[in-house]
C-alpha cells in the first residue's frame, strides 16, 4: 500500500462479525482463513496474508488477553525486521507501535 492511513481512522473487527455501517474498506490480515467461515459469508475487500503475524508470535499468544503485550512486542519486532529491514528489541519504532491503544 502506498497511501498512509491515520491510526485514528483504523477500526479493528473480528472476521466473524458482520459489516457495520460506516466500516469502510475491510481488510483481512491473517495468514489463515477464519475457521468455519465460507468465502461467500465473509465481508472483506482485501486479504493481506503477507503482513499477518507468523506462527512464532501467534502461537504463544493463544488468544489469551494476559499475553497480549508479549504478542504485540514480538509482532512489532517481526514487522520492523520484515518490512523496514531493521532489527528492534524495545527500540523507538517498537515503542511507538506498542503505545497504540489496546484492542478489547
Foldseek 3Di string as FASTA:
>chain_A
DPDDDDPVLDDDDDQPDDDDPPNPAFEAADLDDDPPADPVRTDHDYYDPPLHDDCVLPVVPVVDPVCVLVSLQVSQQVCCCVPVVDGDRPDPSSVVSSVDDDDD
